[in-house]
Amino acid sequence: MYIMKNDSKRTVSIWLTLDEQDNPLLMHELSALVDRYRQENLSPVIFRSGKEELYESTFMLLRHNKAAAISQK
């Protein structure tokens, strides 16, 4: 788990690997951590690693967004 706090934006980014997402103990700790950050008036943002191939998924997302932008003109 990687945690990055941004005081100026009042956010906390929490990055999880696939293995960490499958760990029930760690997920319980994450829940308590999120509650603690919310009590500090910070907005926790959780990023979870995916299972798909990054390049192909990003390419398809950009392609879809471009087609959507063109159809809105």
PDB file of N, CA and C in Angstrom:
ATOM      1  N   MET A   1       0.851  -1.160   0.000  1.00  0.00           N
ATOM      2  CA  MET A   1       0.000   0.000   0.000  1.00  0.00           C
ATOM      3  C   MET A   1       0.903   1.232   0.000  1.00  0.00           C
ATOM      4  N   TYR A   2       0.570   2.141  -0.890  1.00  0.00           N
ATOM      5  CA  TYR A   2       1.311   3.398  -0.974  1.00  0.00           C
ATOM      6  C   TYR A   2       0.330   4.520  -0.669  1.00  0.00           C
ATOM      7  N   ILE A   3       0.683   5.390   0.262  1.00  0.00           N
ATOM      8  CA  ILE A   3      -0.198   6.485   0.668  1.00  0.00           C
ATOM      9  C   ILE A   3       0.495   7.812   0.394  1.00  0.00           C
ATOM     10  N   MET A   4      -0.223   8.713  -0.277  1.00  0.00           N
ATOM     11  CA  MET A   4       0.312  10.030  -0.592  1.00  0.00           C
ATOM     12  C   MET A   4      -0.701  11.084  -0.149  1.00  0.00           C
ATOM     13  N   LYS A   5      -0.300  11.912   0.782  1.00  0.00           N
ATOM     14  CA  LYS A   5      -1.168  12.938   1.350  1.00  0.00           C
ATOM     15  C   LYS A   5      -0.901  14.272   0.659  1.00  0.00           C
ATOM     16  N   ASN A   6      -1.966  14.969   0.271  1.00  0.00           N
ATOM     17  CA  ASN A   6      -1.843  16.282  -0.358  1.00  0.00           C
ATOM     18  C   ASN A   6      -2.625  17.274   0.507  1.00  0.00           C
ATOM     19  N   ASP A   7      -1.913  17.976   1.376  1.00  0.00           N
ATOM     20  CA  ASP A   7      -2.560  18.890   2.315  1.00  0.00           C
ATOM     21  C   ASP A   7      -3.248  20.064   1.617  1.00  0.00           C
ATOM     22  N   SER A   8      -2.671  20.557   0.542  1.00  0.00           N
ATOM     23  CA  SER A   8      -3.263  21.722  -0.127  1.00  0.00           C
ATOM     24  C   SER A   8      -4.607  21.374  -0.780  1.00  0.00           C
ATOM     25  N   LYS A   9      -4.749  20.144  -1.264  1.00  0.00           N
ATOM     26  CA  LYS A   9      -6.012  19.716  -1.884  1.00  0.00           C
ATOM     27  C   LYS A   9      -6.911  18.961  -0.908  1.00  0.00           C
ATOM     28  N   ARG A  10      -6.382  18.704   0.291  1.00  0.00           N
ATOM     29  CA  ARG A  10      -7.115  17.982   1.336  1.00  0.00           C
ATOM     30  C   ARG A  10      -7.520  16.583   0.893  1.00  0.00           C
ATOM     31  N   THR A  11      -6.596  15.912   0.182  1.00  0.00           N
ATOM     32  CA  THR A  11      -6.847  14.547  -0.277  1.00  0.00           C
ATOM     33  C   THR A  11      -5.749  13.608   0.210  1.00  0.00           C
ATOM     34  N   VAL A  12      -6.089  12.331   0.228  1.00  0.00           N
ATOM     35  CA  VAL A  12      -5.130  11.275   0.526  1.00  0.00           C
ATOM     36  C   VAL A  12      -5.317  10.204  -0.538  1.00  0.00           C
ATOM     37  N   SER A  13      -4.292   9.970  -1.333  1.00  0.00           N
ATOM     38  CA  SER A  13      -4.326   8.927  -2.355  1.00  0.00           C
ATOM     39  C   SER A  13      -3.773   7.647  -1.759  1.00  0.00           C
ATOM     40  N   ILE A  14      -4.526   6.570  -1.913  1.00  0.00           N
ATOM     41  CA  ILE A  14      -4.111   5.271  -1.397  1.00  0.00           C
ATOM     42  C   ILE A  14      -4.075   4.302  -2.576  1.00  0.00           C
ATOM     43  N   TRP A  15      -2.892   3.759  -2.836  1.00  0.00           N
ATOM     44  CA  TRP A  15      -2.683   2.872  -3.972  1.00  0.00           C
ATOM     45  C   TRP A  15      -2.565   1.429  -3.473  1.00  0.00           C
ATOM     46  N   LEU A  16      -3.334   0.523  -4.085  1.00  0.00           N
ATOM     47  CA  LEU A  16      -3.329  -0.884  -3.687  1.00  0.00           C
ATOM     48  C   LEU A  16      -2.927  -1.780  -4.854  1.00  0.00           C
ATOM     49  N   THR A  17      -2.112  -2.781  -4.559  1.00  0.00           N
ATOM     50  CA  THR A  17      -1.768  -3.789  -5.556  1.00  0.00           C
ATOM     51  C   THR A  17      -2.875  -4.848  -5.587  1.00  0.00           C
ATOM     52  N   LEU A  18      -2.809  -5.743  -6.554  1.00  0.00           N
ATOM     53  CA  LEU A  18      -3.781  -6.829  -6.624  1.00  0.00           C
ATOM     54  C   LEU A  18      -3.715  -7.715  -5.388  1.00  0.00           C
ATOM     55  N   ASP A  19      -2.511  -8.039  -4.946  1.00  0.00           N
ATOM     56  CA  ASP A  19      -2.356  -8.890  -3.758  1.00  0.00           C
ATOM     57  C   ASP A  19      -2.942  -8.225  -2.521  1.00  0.00           C
ATOM     58  N   GLU A  20      -2.735  -6.941  -2.383  1.00  0.00           N
ATOM     59  CA  GLU A  20      -3.267  -6.229  -1.226  1.00  0.00           C
ATOM     60  C   GLU A  20      -4.796  -6.214  -1.234  1.00  0.00           C
ATOM     61  N   GLN A  21      -5.390  -6.131  -2.407  1.00  0.00           N
ATOM     62  CA  GLN A  21      -6.846  -6.123  -2.514  1.00  0.00           C
ATOM     63  C   GLN A  21      -7.454  -7.453  -2.075  1.00  0.00           C
ATOM     64  N   ASP A  22      -6.695  -8.530  -2.190  1.00  0.00           N
ATOM     65  CA  ASP A  22      -7.177  -9.864  -1.822  1.00  0.00           C
ATOM     66  C   ASP A  22      -6.899 -10.212  -0.359  1.00  0.00           C
ATOM     67  N   ASN A  23      -6.292  -9.292   0.389  1.00  0.00           N
ATOM     68  CA  ASN A  23      -5.926  -9.548   1.783  1.00  0.00           C
ATOM     69  C   ASN A  23      -7.019  -8.975   2.700  1.00  0.00           C
ATOM     70  N   PRO A  24      -7.834  -9.840   3.334  1.00  0.00           N
ATOM     71  CA  PRO A  24      -8.937  -9.353   4.178  1.00  0.00           C
ATOM     72  C   PRO A  24      -8.461  -8.498   5.355  1.00  0.00           C
ATOM     73  N   LEU A  25      -7.342  -8.849   5.958  1.00  0.00           N
ATOM     74  CA  LEU A  25      -6.824  -8.074   7.086  1.00  0.00           C
ATOM     75  C   LEU A  25      -6.440  -6.670   6.640  1.00  0.00           C
ATOM     76  N   LEU A  26      -5.766  -6.580   5.520  1.00  0.00           N
ATOM     77  CA  LEU A  26      -5.360  -5.273   5.007  1.00  0.00           C
ATOM     78  C   LEU A  26      -6.575  -4.438   4.614  1.00  0.00           C
ATOM     79  N   MET A  27      -7.600  -5.073   4.050  1.00  0.00           N
ATOM     80  CA  MET A  27      -8.793  -4.340   3.661  1.00  0.00           C
ATOM     81  C   MET A  27      -9.534  -3.810   4.889  1.00  0.00           C
ATOM     82  N   HIS A  28      -9.480  -4.557   5.990  1.00  0.00           N
ATOM     83  CA  HIS A  28     -10.066  -4.080   7.248  1.00  0.00           C
ATOM     84  C   HIS A  28      -9.284  -2.862   7.756  1.00  0.00           C
ATOM     85  N   GLU A  29      -7.966  -2.933   7.687  1.00  0.00           N
ATOM     86  CA  GLU A  29      -7.125  -1.803   8.085  1.00  0.00           C
ATOM     87  C   GLU A  29      -7.389  -0.588   7.192  1.00  0.00           C
ATOM     88  N   LEU A  30      -7.608  -0.839   5.912  1.00  0.00           N
ATOM     89  CA  LEU A  30      -7.893   0.248   4.972  1.00  0.00           C
ATOM     90  C   LEU A  30      -9.182   0.966   5.362  1.00  0.00           C
ATOM     91  N   SER A  31     -10.186   0.212   5.752  1.00  0.00           N
ATOM     92  CA  SER A  31     -11.452   0.800   6.162  1.00  0.00           C
ATOM     93  C   SER A  31     -11.257   1.736   7.357  1.00  0.00           C
ATOM     94  N   ALA A  32     -10.487   1.297   8.349  1.00  0.00           N
ATOM     95  CA  ALA A  32     -10.204   2.134   9.519  1.00  0.00           C
ATOM     96  C   ALA A  32      -9.396   3.367   9.125  1.00  0.00           C
ATOM     97  N   LEU A  33      -8.473   3.195   8.201  1.00  0.00           N
ATOM     98  CA  LEU A  33      -7.647   4.301   7.729  1.00  0.00           C
ATOM     99  C   LEU A  33      -8.497   5.355   7.023  1.00  0.00           C
ATOM    100  N   VAL A  34      -9.409   4.905   6.184  1.00  0.00           N
ATOM    101  CA  VAL A  34     -10.302   5.824   5.470  1.00  0.00           C
ATOM    102  C   VAL A  34     -11.153   6.602   6.471  1.00  0.00           C
ATOM    103  N   ASP A  35     -11.676   5.913   7.471  1.00  0.00           N
ATOM    104  CA  ASP A  35     -12.466   6.591   8.504  1.00  0.00           C
ATOM    105  C   ASP A  35     -11.644   7.661   9.221  1.00  0.00           C
ATOM    106  N   ARG A  36     -10.404   7.328   9.549  1.00  0.00           N
ATOM    107  CA  ARG A  36      -9.539   8.281  10.236  1.00  0.00           C
ATOM    108  C   ARG A  36      -9.282   9.530   9.384  1.00  0.00           C
ATOM    109  N   TYR A  37      -9.000   9.319   8.095  1.00  0.00           N
ATOM    110  CA  TYR A  37      -8.757  10.462   7.214  1.00  0.00           C
ATOM    111  C   TYR A  37     -10.006  11.321   7.062  1.00  0.00           C
ATOM    112  N   ARG A  38     -11.163  10.699   6.995  1.00  0.00           N
ATOM    113  CA  ARG A  38     -12.412  11.469   6.890  1.00  0.00           C
ATOM    114  C   ARG A  38     -12.643  12.306   8.142  1.00  0.00           C
ATOM    115  N   GLN A  39     -12.301  11.763   9.308  1.00  0.00           N
ATOM    116  CA  GLN A  39     -12.430  12.524  10.549  1.00  0.00           C
ATOM    117  C   GLN A  39     -11.497  13.737  10.564  1.00  0.00           C
ATOM    118  N   GLU A  40     -10.396  13.650   9.825  1.00  0.00           N
ATOM    119  CA  GLU A  40      -9.451  14.761   9.698  1.00  0.00           C
ATOM    120  C   GLU A  40      -9.856  15.714   8.575  1.00  0.00           C
ATOM    121  N   ASN A  41     -11.076  15.542   8.046  1.00  0.00           N
ATOM    122  CA  ASN A  41     -11.601  16.347   6.938  1.00  0.00           C
ATOM    123  C   ASN A  41     -10.742  16.253   5.681  1.00  0.00           C
ATOM    124  N   LEU A  42     -10.211  15.069   5.438  1.00  0.00           N
ATOM    125  CA  LEU A  42      -9.477  14.784   4.209  1.00  0.00           C
ATOM    126  C   LEU A  42     -10.329  13.848   3.358  1.00  0.00           C
ATOM    127  N   SER A  43     -10.174  13.939   2.047  1.00  0.00           N
ATOM    128  CA  SER A  43     -10.912  13.064   1.135  1.00  0.00           C
ATOM    129  C   SER A  43     -10.006  11.932   0.674  1.00  0.00           C
ATOM    130  N   PRO A  44     -10.263  10.711   1.146  1.00  0.00           N
ATOM    131  CA  PRO A  44      -9.452   9.581   0.693  1.00  0.00           C
ATOM    132  C   PRO A  44      -9.868   9.142  -0.713  1.00  0.00           C
ATOM    133  N   VAL A  45      -8.880   8.879  -1.543  1.00  0.00           N
ATOM    134  CA  VAL A  45      -9.099   8.393  -2.906  1.00  0.00           C
ATOM    135  C   VAL A  45      -8.330   7.087  -3.025  1.00  0.00           C
ATOM    136  N   ILE A  46      -9.039   6.011  -3.370  1.00  0.00           N
ATOM    137  CA  ILE A  46      -8.408   4.694  -3.421  1.00  0.00           C
ATOM    138  C   ILE A  46      -8.218   4.285  -4.883  1.00  0.00           C
ATOM    139  N   PHE A  47      -6.989   3.938  -5.224  1.00  0.00           N
ATOM    140  CA  PHE A  47      -6.646   3.447  -6.558  1.00  0.00           C
ATOM    141  C   PHE A  47      -6.325   1.967  -6.442  1.00  0.00           C
ATOM    142  N   ARG A  48      -7.009   1.176  -7.230  1.00  0.00           N
ATOM    143  CA  ARG A  48      -6.812  -0.276  -7.191  1.00  0.00           C
ATOM    144  C   ARG A  48      -6.208  -0.750  -8.513  1.00  0.00           C
ATOM    145  N   SER A  49      -5.163  -1.547  -8.409  1.00  0.00           N
ATOM    146  CA  SER A  49      -4.551  -2.103  -9.613  1.00  0.00           C
ATOM    147  C   SER A  49      -5.563  -2.983 -10.323  1.00  0.00           C
ATOM    148  N   GLY A  50      -5.525  -2.938 -11.636  1.00  0.00           N
ATOM    149  CA  GLY A  50      -6.437  -3.751 -12.431  1.00  0.00           C
ATOM    150  C   GLY A  50      -5.800  -5.055 -12.875  1.00  0.00           C
ATOM    151  N   LYS A  51      -6.596  -5.847 -13.549  1.00  0.00           N
ATOM    152  CA  LYS A  51      -6.136  -7.159 -14.005  1.00  0.00           C
ATOM    153  C   LYS A  51      -5.880  -7.190 -15.508  1.00  0.00           C
ATOM    154  N   GLU A  52      -6.300  -6.149 -16.191  1.00  0.00           N
ATOM    155  CA  GLU A  52      -6.144  -6.099 -17.642  1.00  0.00           C
ATOM    156  C   GLU A  52      -4.805  -5.478 -18.022  1.00  0.00           C
ATOM    157  N   GLU A  53      -4.443  -5.621 -19.286  1.00  0.00           N
ATOM    158  CA  GLU A  53      -3.191  -5.081 -19.790  1.00  0.00           C
ATOM    159  C   GLU A  53      -3.332  -3.568 -19.949  1.00  0.00           C
ATOM    160  N   LEU A  54      -2.446  -2.812 -19.323  1.00  0.00           N
ATOM    161  CA  LEU A  54      -2.567  -1.361 -19.232  1.00  0.00           C
ATOM    162  C   LEU A  54      -2.565  -0.680 -20.601  1.00  0.00           C
ATOM    163  N   TYR A  55      -1.632  -1.021 -21.473  1.00  0.00           N
ATOM    164  CA  TYR A  55      -1.518  -0.338 -22.764  1.00  0.00           C
ATOM    165  C   TYR A  55      -2.801  -0.506 -23.571  1.00  0.00           C
ATOM    166  N   GLU A  56      -3.268  -1.728 -23.701  1.00  0.00           N
ATOM    167  CA  GLU A  56      -4.470  -2.003 -24.506  1.00  0.00           C
ATOM    168  C   GLU A  56      -5.698  -1.308 -23.915  1.00  0.00           C
ATOM    169  N   SER A  57      -5.856  -1.353 -22.611  1.00  0.00           N
ATOM    170  CA  SER A  57      -7.012  -0.727 -21.965  1.00  0.00           C
ATOM    171  C   SER A  57      -6.980   0.787 -22.138  1.00  0.00           C
ATOM    172  N   THR A  58      -5.808   1.393 -22.003  1.00  0.00           N
ATOM    173  CA  THR A  58      -5.682   2.840 -22.172  1.00  0.00           C
ATOM    174  C   THR A  58      -5.959   3.234 -23.615  1.00  0.00           C
ATOM    175  N   PHE A  59      -5.444   2.468 -24.553  1.00  0.00           N
ATOM    176  CA  PHE A  59      -5.673   2.732 -25.975  1.00  0.00           C
ATOM    177  C   PHE A  59      -7.167   2.699 -26.287  1.00  0.00           C
ATOM    178  N   MET A  60      -7.857   1.680 -25.793  1.00  0.00           N
ATOM    179  CA  MET A  60      -9.289   1.550 -26.067  1.00  0.00           C
ATOM    180  C   MET A  60     -10.090   2.688 -25.415  1.00  0.00           C
ATOM    181  N   LEU A  61      -9.694   3.099 -24.227  1.00  0.00           N
ATOM    182  CA  LEU A  61     -10.369   4.210 -23.559  1.00  0.00           C
ATOM    183  C   LEU A  61     -10.198   5.507 -24.348  1.00  0.00           C
ATOM    184  N   LEU A  62      -8.977   5.791 -24.783  1.00  0.00           N
ATOM    185  CA  LEU A  62      -8.724   7.001 -25.571  1.00  0.00           C
ATOM    186  C   LEU A  62      -9.477   6.959 -26.897  1.00  0.00           C
ATOM    187  N   ARG A  63      -9.512   5.799 -27.514  1.00  0.00           N
ATOM    188  CA  ARG A  63     -10.231   5.639 -28.778  1.00  0.00           C
ATOM    189  C   ARG A  63     -11.730   5.895 -28.580  1.00  0.00           C
ATOM    190  N   HIS A  64     -12.275   5.348 -27.523  1.00  0.00           N
ATOM    191  CA  HIS A  64     -13.692   5.554 -27.215  1.00  0.00           C
ATOM    192  C   HIS A  64     -13.981   7.033 -26.952  1.00  0.00           C
ATOM    193  N   ASN A  65     -13.134   7.687 -26.144  1.00  0.00           N
ATOM    194  CA  ASN A  65     -13.338   9.102 -25.822  1.00  0.00           C
ATOM    195  C   ASN A  65     -13.250   9.985 -27.065  1.00  0.00           C
ATOM    196  N   LYS A  66     -12.331   9.657 -27.959  1.00  0.00           N
ATOM    197  CA  LYS A  66     -12.195  10.438 -29.192  1.00  0.00           C
ATOM    198  C   LYS A  66     -13.452  10.287 -30.060  1.00  0.00           C
ATOM    199  N   ALA A  67     -13.946   9.067 -30.174  1.00  0.00           N
ATOM    200  CA  ALA A  67     -15.155   8.828 -30.973  1.00  0.00           C
ATOM    201  C   ALA A  67     -16.358   9.552 -30.352  1.00  0.00           C
ATOM    202  N   ALA A  68     -16.447   9.543 -29.039  1.00  0.00           N
ATOM    203  CA  ALA A  68     -17.549  10.234 -28.357  1.00  0.00           C
ATOM    204  C   ALA A  68     -17.459  11.735 -28.575  1.00  0.00           C
ATOM    205  N   ALA A  69     -16.263  12.286 -28.538  1.00  0.00           N
ATOM    206  CA  ALA A  69     -16.073  13.729 -28.739  1.00  0.00           C
ATOM    207  C   ALA A  69     -16.453  14.122 -30.171  1.00  0.00           C
ATOM    208  N   ILE A  70     -16.105  13.296 -31.127  1.00  0.00           N
ATOM    209  CA  ILE A  70     -16.422  13.591 -32.525  1.00  0.00           C
ATOM    210  C   ILE A  70     -17.923  13.523 -32.743  1.00  0.00           C
ATOM    211  N   SER A  71     -18.601  12.554 -32.126  1.00  0.00           N
ATOM    212  CA  SER A  71     -20.050  12.407 -32.333  1.00  0.00           C
ATOM    213  C   SER A  71     -20.845  13.524 -31.656  1.00  0.00           C
ATOM    214  N   GLN A  72     -20.253  14.231 -30.703  1.00  0.00           N
ATOM    215  CA  GLN A  72     -20.963  15.320 -30.025  1.00  0.00           C
ATOM    216  C   GLN A  72     -20.891  16.633 -30.800  1.00  0.00           C
ATOM    217  N   LYS A  73     -20.040  16.696 -31.813  1.00  0.00           N
ATOM    218  CA  LYS A  73     -19.886  17.951 -32.587  1.00  0.00           C
ATOM    219  C   LYS A  73     -21.049  18.191 -33.495  1.00  0.00           C
TER     220      LYS A  73
END
